[in-house]
Every structure is written in C-alpha cells, then in structure tokens.
Amino acid sequence: MPGAIGFGLYALSGTVTAFLAPLIVGTFTDWFDRQRTDLASLIILMVIGLALLMRVREAEPSNKNQKARH
C-alpha cells in the first residue's frame, strides 16, 4: 500500500506544478516588467526542487529482501 500513496503524491505534485510554475513565471514578469527574469524564476524553482529532493532518504532494504538475495 505505501507504493500507492507515493504514486498519489507523485501525481499530485505533477498537477500542482502544472499551474504553479506558469503562475510564478507570470508573476515575475509582471513584477519586474522584463521577460529575462523568467529564467531567474525557473532557476529558483529548480533550486527549491533540488533542496526538497536532497531531503528524500533512500529506503533501507528489509530483511526479507536480503534473505531472498543470498
């Protein structure tokens, strides 16, 4: 069941970014009145995503999986 929860969160994150990124890019363009700042907003989003990704821990193999391999 944990895989289903993870997939649901993955789908939700894709849906959120589908409207969040254009909103942020549009906001930056409106604030600074320059399209060059769009690249800066995308770089900020990438850095935030990388920081969040670095916090994800790799799952430890369970004892059942280790016994099956040996």
PDB file of N, CA and C in Angstrom:
ATOM      1  N   MET A   1       0.798  -1.205   0.000  1.00  0.00           N
ATOM      2  CA  MET A   1       0.000   0.000   0.000  1.00  0.00           C
ATOM      3  C   MET A   1       0.847   1.278   0.000  1.00  0.00           C
ATOM      4  N   PRO A   2       2.055   1.311   0.585  1.00  0.00           N
ATOM      5  CA  PRO A   2       2.846   2.540   0.549  1.00  0.00           C
ATOM      6  C   PRO A   2       3.172   2.995  -0.869  1.00  0.00           C
ATOM      7  N   GLY A   3       3.307   2.067  -1.812  1.00  0.00           N
ATOM      8  CA  GLY A   3       3.580   2.444  -3.192  1.00  0.00           C
ATOM      9  C   GLY A   3       2.442   3.241  -3.797  1.00  0.00           C
ATOM     10  N   ALA A   4       1.220   2.874  -3.438  1.00  0.00           N
ATOM     11  CA  ALA A   4       0.052   3.594  -3.950  1.00  0.00           C
ATOM     12  C   ALA A   4       0.010   5.013  -3.400  1.00  0.00           C
ATOM     13  N   ILE A   5       0.384   5.180  -2.151  1.00  0.00           N
ATOM     14  CA  ILE A   5       0.413   6.517  -1.555  1.00  0.00           C
ATOM     15  C   ILE A   5       1.482   7.362  -2.235  1.00  0.00           C
ATOM     16  N   GLY A   6       2.640   6.783  -2.466  1.00  0.00           N
ATOM     17  CA  GLY A   6       3.717   7.503  -3.133  1.00  0.00           C
ATOM     18  C   GLY A   6       3.330   7.910  -4.543  1.00  0.00           C
ATOM     19  N   PHE A   7       2.637   7.017  -5.260  1.00  0.00           N
ATOM     20  CA  PHE A   7       2.212   7.352  -6.610  1.00  0.00           C
ATOM     21  C   PHE A   7       1.179   8.472  -6.584  1.00  0.00           C
ATOM     22  N   GLY A   8       0.298   8.471  -5.598  1.00  0.00           N
ATOM     23  CA  GLY A   8      -0.692   9.540  -5.477  1.00  0.00           C
ATOM     24  C   GLY A   8      -0.036  10.884  -5.227  1.00  0.00           C
ATOM     25  N   LEU A   9       0.982  10.902  -4.386  1.00  0.00           N
ATOM     26  CA  LEU A   9       1.705  12.147  -4.131  1.00  0.00           C
ATOM     27  C   LEU A   9       2.467  12.598  -5.373  1.00  0.00           C
ATOM     28  N   TYR A  10       2.998  11.637  -6.115  1.00  0.00           N
ATOM     29  CA  TYR A  10       3.706  11.965  -7.352  1.00  0.00           C
ATOM     30  C   TYR A  10       2.746  12.607  -8.360  1.00  0.00           C
ATOM     31  N   ALA A  11       1.558  12.044  -8.507  1.00  0.00           N
ATOM     32  CA  ALA A  11       0.567  12.601  -9.431  1.00  0.00           C
ATOM     33  C   ALA A  11       0.110  13.982  -8.971  1.00  0.00           C
ATOM     34  N   LEU A  12      -0.067  14.153  -7.667  1.00  0.00           N
ATOM     35  CA  LEU A  12      -0.483  15.449  -7.129  1.00  0.00           C
ATOM     36  C   LEU A  12       0.590  16.507  -7.376  1.00  0.00           C
ATOM     37  N   SER A  13       1.849  16.137  -7.200  1.00  0.00           N
ATOM     38  CA  SER A  13       2.918  17.115  -7.422  1.00  0.00           C
ATOM     39  C   SER A  13       2.979  17.539  -8.885  1.00  0.00           C
ATOM     40  N   GLY A  14       2.713  16.627  -9.801  1.00  0.00           N
ATOM     41  CA  GLY A  14       2.675  16.985 -11.210  1.00  0.00           C
ATOM     42  C   GLY A  14       1.538  17.936 -11.522  1.00  0.00           C
ATOM     43  N   THR A  15       0.396  17.710 -10.882  1.00  0.00           N
ATOM     44  CA  THR A  15      -0.757  18.589 -11.093  1.00  0.00           C
ATOM     45  C   THR A  15      -0.498  19.978 -10.526  1.00  0.00           C
ATOM     46  N   VAL A  16       0.112  20.044  -9.368  1.00  0.00           N
ATOM     47  CA  VAL A  16       0.385  21.333  -8.731  1.00  0.00           C
ATOM     48  C   VAL A  16       1.372  22.142  -9.563  1.00  0.00           C
ATOM     49  N   THR A  17       2.429  21.507 -10.038  1.00  0.00           N
ATOM     50  CA  THR A  17       3.425  22.247 -10.808  1.00  0.00           C
ATOM     51  C   THR A  17       2.907  22.672 -12.178  1.00  0.00           C
ATOM     52  N   ALA A  18       1.868  22.004 -12.665  1.00  0.00           N
ATOM     53  CA  ALA A  18       1.310  22.363 -13.968  1.00  0.00           C
ATOM     54  C   ALA A  18       0.729  23.776 -13.961  1.00  0.00           C
ATOM     55  N   PHE A  19       0.234  24.240 -12.826  1.00  0.00           N
ATOM     56  CA  PHE A  19      -0.276  25.614 -12.779  1.00  0.00           C
ATOM     57  C   PHE A  19       0.598  26.536 -11.932  1.00  0.00           C
ATOM     58  N   LEU A  20       1.392  25.990 -11.031  1.00  0.00           N
ATOM     59  CA  LEU A  20       2.216  26.820 -10.154  1.00  0.00           C
ATOM     60  C   LEU A  20       3.383  27.475 -10.898  1.00  0.00           C
ATOM     61  N   ALA A  21       4.080  26.721 -11.737  1.00  0.00           N
ATOM     62  CA  ALA A  21       5.231  27.278 -12.455  1.00  0.00           C
ATOM     63  C   ALA A  21       4.824  28.416 -13.399  1.00  0.00           C
ATOM     64  N   PRO A  22       3.787  28.261 -14.234  1.00  0.00           N
ATOM     65  CA  PRO A  22       3.391  29.403 -15.069  1.00  0.00           C
ATOM     66  C   PRO A  22       2.919  30.605 -14.250  1.00  0.00           C
ATOM     67  N   LEU A  23       2.304  30.351 -13.109  1.00  0.00           N
ATOM     68  CA  LEU A  23       1.869  31.448 -12.242  1.00  0.00           C
ATOM     69  C   LEU A  23       3.075  32.231 -11.717  1.00  0.00           C
ATOM     70  N   ILE A  24       4.106  31.516 -11.298  1.00  0.00           N
ATOM     71  CA  ILE A  24       5.301  32.171 -10.774  1.00  0.00           C
ATOM     72  C   ILE A  24       6.032  32.931 -11.882  1.00  0.00           C
ATOM     73  N   VAL A  25       6.141  32.327 -13.058  1.00  0.00           N
ATOM     74  CA  VAL A  25       6.810  32.995 -14.177  1.00  0.00           C
ATOM     75  C   VAL A  25       6.042  34.260 -14.554  1.00  0.00           C
ATOM     76  N   GLY A  26       4.720  34.167 -14.625  1.00  0.00           N
ATOM     77  CA  GLY A  26       3.910  35.337 -14.939  1.00  0.00           C
ATOM     78  C   GLY A  26       4.017  36.425 -13.889  1.00  0.00           C
ATOM     79  N   THR A  27       4.075  36.026 -12.636  1.00  0.00           N
ATOM     80  CA  THR A  27       4.208  36.989 -11.544  1.00  0.00           C
ATOM     81  C   THR A  27       5.550  37.713 -11.624  1.00  0.00           C
ATOM     82  N   PHE A  28       6.625  36.971 -11.873  1.00  0.00           N
ATOM     83  CA  PHE A  28       7.939  37.595 -12.018  1.00  0.00           C
ATOM     84  C   PHE A  28       7.956  38.570 -13.180  1.00  0.00           C
ATOM     85  N   THR A  29       7.340  38.187 -14.302  1.00  0.00           N
ATOM     86  CA  THR A  29       7.294  39.075 -15.462  1.00  0.00           C
ATOM     87  C   THR A  29       6.518  40.347 -15.140  1.00  0.00           C
ATOM     88  N   ASP A  30       5.419  40.197 -14.425  1.00  0.00           N
ATOM     89  CA  ASP A  30       4.600  41.354 -14.070  1.00  0.00           C
ATOM     90  C   ASP A  30       5.324  42.272 -13.080  1.00  0.00           C
ATOM     91  N   TRP A  31       5.977  41.685 -12.085  1.00  0.00           N
ATOM     92  CA  TRP A  31       6.675  42.488 -11.071  1.00  0.00           C
ATOM     93  C   TRP A  31       7.835  43.282 -11.661  1.00  0.00           C
ATOM     94  N   PHE A  32       8.649  42.614 -12.452  1.00  0.00           N
ATOM     95  CA  PHE A  32       9.881  43.233 -12.947  1.00  0.00           C
ATOM     96  C   PHE A  32       9.734  43.824 -14.341  1.00  0.00           C
ATOM     97  N   ASP A  33       8.610  43.564 -14.999  1.00  0.00           N
ATOM     98  CA  ASP A  33       8.312  44.096 -16.333  1.00  0.00           C
ATOM     99  C   ASP A  33       9.406  43.737 -17.341  1.00  0.00           C
ATOM    100  N   ARG A  34      10.007  42.577 -17.160  1.00  0.00           N
ATOM    101  CA  ARG A  34      11.042  42.080 -18.062  1.00  0.00           C
ATOM    102  C   ARG A  34      10.897  40.576 -18.187  1.00  0.00           C
ATOM    103  N   GLN A  35      11.046  40.067 -19.383  1.00  0.00           N
ATOM    104  CA  GLN A  35      10.950  38.624 -19.572  1.00  0.00           C
ATOM    105  C   GLN A  35      12.234  37.903 -19.196  1.00  0.00           C
ATOM    106  N   ARG A  36      13.310  38.627 -19.059  1.00  0.00           N
ATOM    107  CA  ARG A  36      14.566  37.981 -18.663  1.00  0.00           C
ATOM    108  C   ARG A  36      14.493  37.424 -17.247  1.00  0.00           C
ATOM    109  N   THR A  37      13.642  37.987 -16.431  1.00  0.00           N
ATOM    110  CA  THR A  37      13.516  37.488 -15.062  1.00  0.00           C
ATOM    111  C   THR A  37      12.803  36.145 -15.008  1.00  0.00           C
ATOM    112  N   ASP A  38      12.162  35.747 -16.114  1.00  0.00           N
ATOM    113  CA  ASP A  38      11.509  34.437 -16.149  1.00  0.00           C
ATOM    114  C   ASP A  38      12.525  33.326 -15.904  1.00  0.00           C
ATOM    115  N   LEU A  39      13.687  33.463 -16.485  1.00  0.00           N
ATOM    116  CA  LEU A  39      14.731  32.461 -16.292  1.00  0.00           C
ATOM    117  C   LEU A  39      15.142  32.389 -14.822  1.00  0.00           C
ATOM    118  N   ALA A  40      15.226  33.530 -14.162  1.00  0.00           N
ATOM    119  CA  ALA A  40      15.588  33.544 -12.739  1.00  0.00           C
ATOM    120  C   ALA A  40      14.528  32.809 -11.918  1.00  0.00           C
ATOM    121  N   SER A  41      13.255  33.006 -12.257  1.00  0.00           N
ATOM    122  CA  SER A  41      12.200  32.321 -11.500  1.00  0.00           C
ATOM    123  C   SER A  41      12.272  30.816 -11.714  1.00  0.00           C
ATOM    124  N   LEU A  42      12.605  30.382 -12.925  1.00  0.00           N
ATOM    125  CA  LEU A  42      12.730  28.948 -13.183  1.00  0.00           C
ATOM    126  C   LEU A  42      13.932  28.359 -12.454  1.00  0.00           C
ATOM    127  N   ILE A  43      15.020  29.118 -12.387  1.00  0.00           N
ATOM    128  CA  ILE A  43      16.195  28.652 -11.647  1.00  0.00           C
ATOM    129  C   ILE A  43      15.862  28.517 -10.163  1.00  0.00           C
ATOM    130  N   ILE A  44      15.108  29.466  -9.631  1.00  0.00           N
ATOM    131  CA  ILE A  44      14.695  29.392  -8.223  1.00  0.00           C
ATOM    132  C   ILE A  44      13.850  28.148  -7.984  1.00  0.00           C
ATOM    133  N   LEU A  45      12.919  27.861  -8.898  1.00  0.00           N
ATOM    134  CA  LEU A  45      12.092  26.657  -8.762  1.00  0.00           C
ATOM    135  C   LEU A  45      12.937  25.391  -8.807  1.00  0.00           C
ATOM    136  N   MET A  46      13.940  25.365  -9.678  1.00  0.00           N
ATOM    137  CA  MET A  46      14.812  24.196  -9.765  1.00  0.00           C
ATOM    138  C   MET A  46      15.633  24.006  -8.489  1.00  0.00           C
ATOM    139  N   VAL A  47      16.119  25.099  -7.909  1.00  0.00           N
ATOM    140  CA  VAL A  47      16.892  25.017  -6.669  1.00  0.00           C
ATOM    141  C   VAL A  47      16.004  24.529  -5.526  1.00  0.00           C
ATOM    142  N   ILE A  48      14.770  25.017  -5.462  1.00  0.00           N
ATOM    143  CA  ILE A  48      13.834  24.556  -4.429  1.00  0.00           C
ATOM    144  C   ILE A  48      13.559  23.060  -4.606  1.00  0.00           C
ATOM    145  N   GLY A  49      13.342  22.634  -5.844  1.00  0.00           N
ATOM    146  CA  GLY A  49      13.112  21.213  -6.108  1.00  0.00           C
ATOM    147  C   GLY A  49      14.304  20.355  -5.734  1.00  0.00           C
ATOM    148  N   LEU A  50      15.498  20.831  -6.040  1.00  0.00           N
ATOM    149  CA  LEU A  50      16.712  20.092  -5.679  1.00  0.00           C
ATOM    150  C   LEU A  50      16.865  19.996  -4.167  1.00  0.00           C
ATOM    151  N   ALA A  51      16.575  21.089  -3.459  1.00  0.00           N
ATOM    152  CA  ALA A  51      16.679  21.075  -1.998  1.00  0.00           C
ATOM    153  C   ALA A  51      15.685  20.073  -1.404  1.00  0.00           C
ATOM    154  N   LEU A  52      14.488  20.024  -1.948  1.00  0.00           N
ATOM    155  CA  LEU A  52      13.498  19.059  -1.456  1.00  0.00           C
ATOM    156  C   LEU A  52      13.910  17.631  -1.793  1.00  0.00           C
ATOM    157  N   LEU A  53      14.479  17.436  -2.970  1.00  0.00           N
ATOM    158  CA  LEU A  53      14.908  16.105  -3.374  1.00  0.00           C
ATOM    159  C   LEU A  53      16.062  15.597  -2.519  1.00  0.00           C
ATOM    160  N   MET A  54      16.929  16.486  -2.094  1.00  0.00           N
ATOM    161  CA  MET A  54      18.060  16.083  -1.260  1.00  0.00           C
ATOM    162  C   MET A  54      17.612  15.592   0.125  1.00  0.00           C
ATOM    163  N   ARG A  55      16.415  15.976   0.535  1.00  0.00           N
ATOM    164  CA  ARG A  55      15.906  15.547   1.839  1.00  0.00           C
ATOM    165  C   ARG A  55      15.290  14.157   1.805  1.00  0.00           C
ATOM    166  N   VAL A  56      15.051  13.603   0.619  1.00  0.00           N
ATOM    167  CA  VAL A  56      14.439  12.287   0.488  1.00  0.00           C
ATOM    168  C   VAL A  56      15.475  11.228   0.820  1.00  0.00           C
ATOM    169  N   ARG A  57      15.100  10.308   1.675  1.00  0.00           N
ATOM    170  CA  ARG A  57      16.009   9.233   2.067  1.00  0.00           C
ATOM    171  C   ARG A  57      15.720   7.993   1.237  1.00  0.00           C
ATOM    172  N   GLU A  58      16.775   7.268   0.926  1.00  0.00           N
ATOM    173  CA  GLU A  58      16.611   6.021   0.199  1.00  0.00           C
ATOM    174  C   GLU A  58      16.107   4.960   1.164  1.00  0.00           C
ATOM    175  N   ALA A  59      15.171   4.154   0.716  1.00  0.00           N
ATOM    176  CA  ALA A  59      14.585   3.125   1.580  1.00  0.00           C
ATOM    177  C   ALA A  59      15.622   2.058   1.897  1.00  0.00           C
ATOM    178  N   GLU A  60      15.652   1.648   3.146  1.00  0.00           N
ATOM    179  CA  GLU A  60      16.535   0.569   3.564  1.00  0.00           C
ATOM    180  C   GLU A  60      15.915  -0.762   3.158  1.00  0.00           C
ATOM    181  N   PRO A  61      16.721  -1.694   2.644  1.00  0.00           N
ATOM    182  CA  PRO A  61      16.157  -2.995   2.280  1.00  0.00           C
ATOM    183  C   PRO A  61      15.706  -3.746   3.523  1.00  0.00           C
ATOM    184  N   SER A  62      14.595  -4.417   3.404  1.00  0.00           N
ATOM    185  CA  SER A  62      14.097  -5.190   4.546  1.00  0.00           C
ATOM    186  C   SER A  62      14.861  -6.503   4.643  1.00  0.00           C
ATOM    187  N   ASN A  63      14.725  -7.193   5.769  1.00  0.00           N
ATOM    188  CA  ASN A  63      15.412  -8.470   5.972  1.00  0.00           C
ATOM    189  C   ASN A  63      14.920  -9.527   4.994  1.00  0.00           C
ATOM    190  N   LYS A  64      13.655  -9.471   4.601  1.00  0.00           N
ATOM    191  CA  LYS A  64      13.108 -10.446   3.654  1.00  0.00           C
ATOM    192  C   LYS A  64      13.828 -10.338   2.308  1.00  0.00           C
ATOM    193  N   ASN A  65      14.059  -9.137   1.861  1.00  0.00           N
ATOM    194  CA  ASN A  65      14.732  -8.929   0.583  1.00  0.00           C
ATOM    195  C   ASN A  65      16.195  -9.391   0.649  1.00  0.00           C
ATOM    196  N   GLN A  66      16.848  -9.182   1.775  1.00  0.00           N
ATOM    197  CA  GLN A  66      18.242  -9.576   1.915  1.00  0.00           C
ATOM    198  C   GLN A  66      18.362 -11.100   1.931  1.00  0.00           C
ATOM    199  N   LYS A  67      17.446 -11.801   2.593  1.00  0.00           N
ATOM    200  CA  LYS A  67      17.488 -13.260   2.653  1.00  0.00           C
ATOM    201  C   LYS A  67      17.213 -13.863   1.281  1.00  0.00           C
ATOM    202  N   ALA A  68      16.333 -13.240   0.504  1.00  0.00           N
ATOM    203  CA  ALA A  68      16.000 -13.771  -0.810  1.00  0.00           C
ATOM    204  C   ALA A  68      17.183 -13.664  -1.764  1.00  0.00           C
ATOM    205  N   ARG A  69      18.029 -12.695  -1.584  1.00  0.00           N
ATOM    206  CA  ARG A  69      19.166 -12.481  -2.467  1.00  0.00           C
ATOM    207  C   ARG A  69      20.298 -13.468  -2.178  1.00  0.00           C
ATOM    208  N   HIS A  70      20.397 -13.963  -0.952  1.00  0.00           N
ATOM    209  CA  HIS A  70      21.517 -14.836  -0.575  1.00  0.00           C
ATOM    210  C   HIS A  70      21.199 -16.277  -0.783  1.00  0.00           C
TER     211      HIS A  70
END
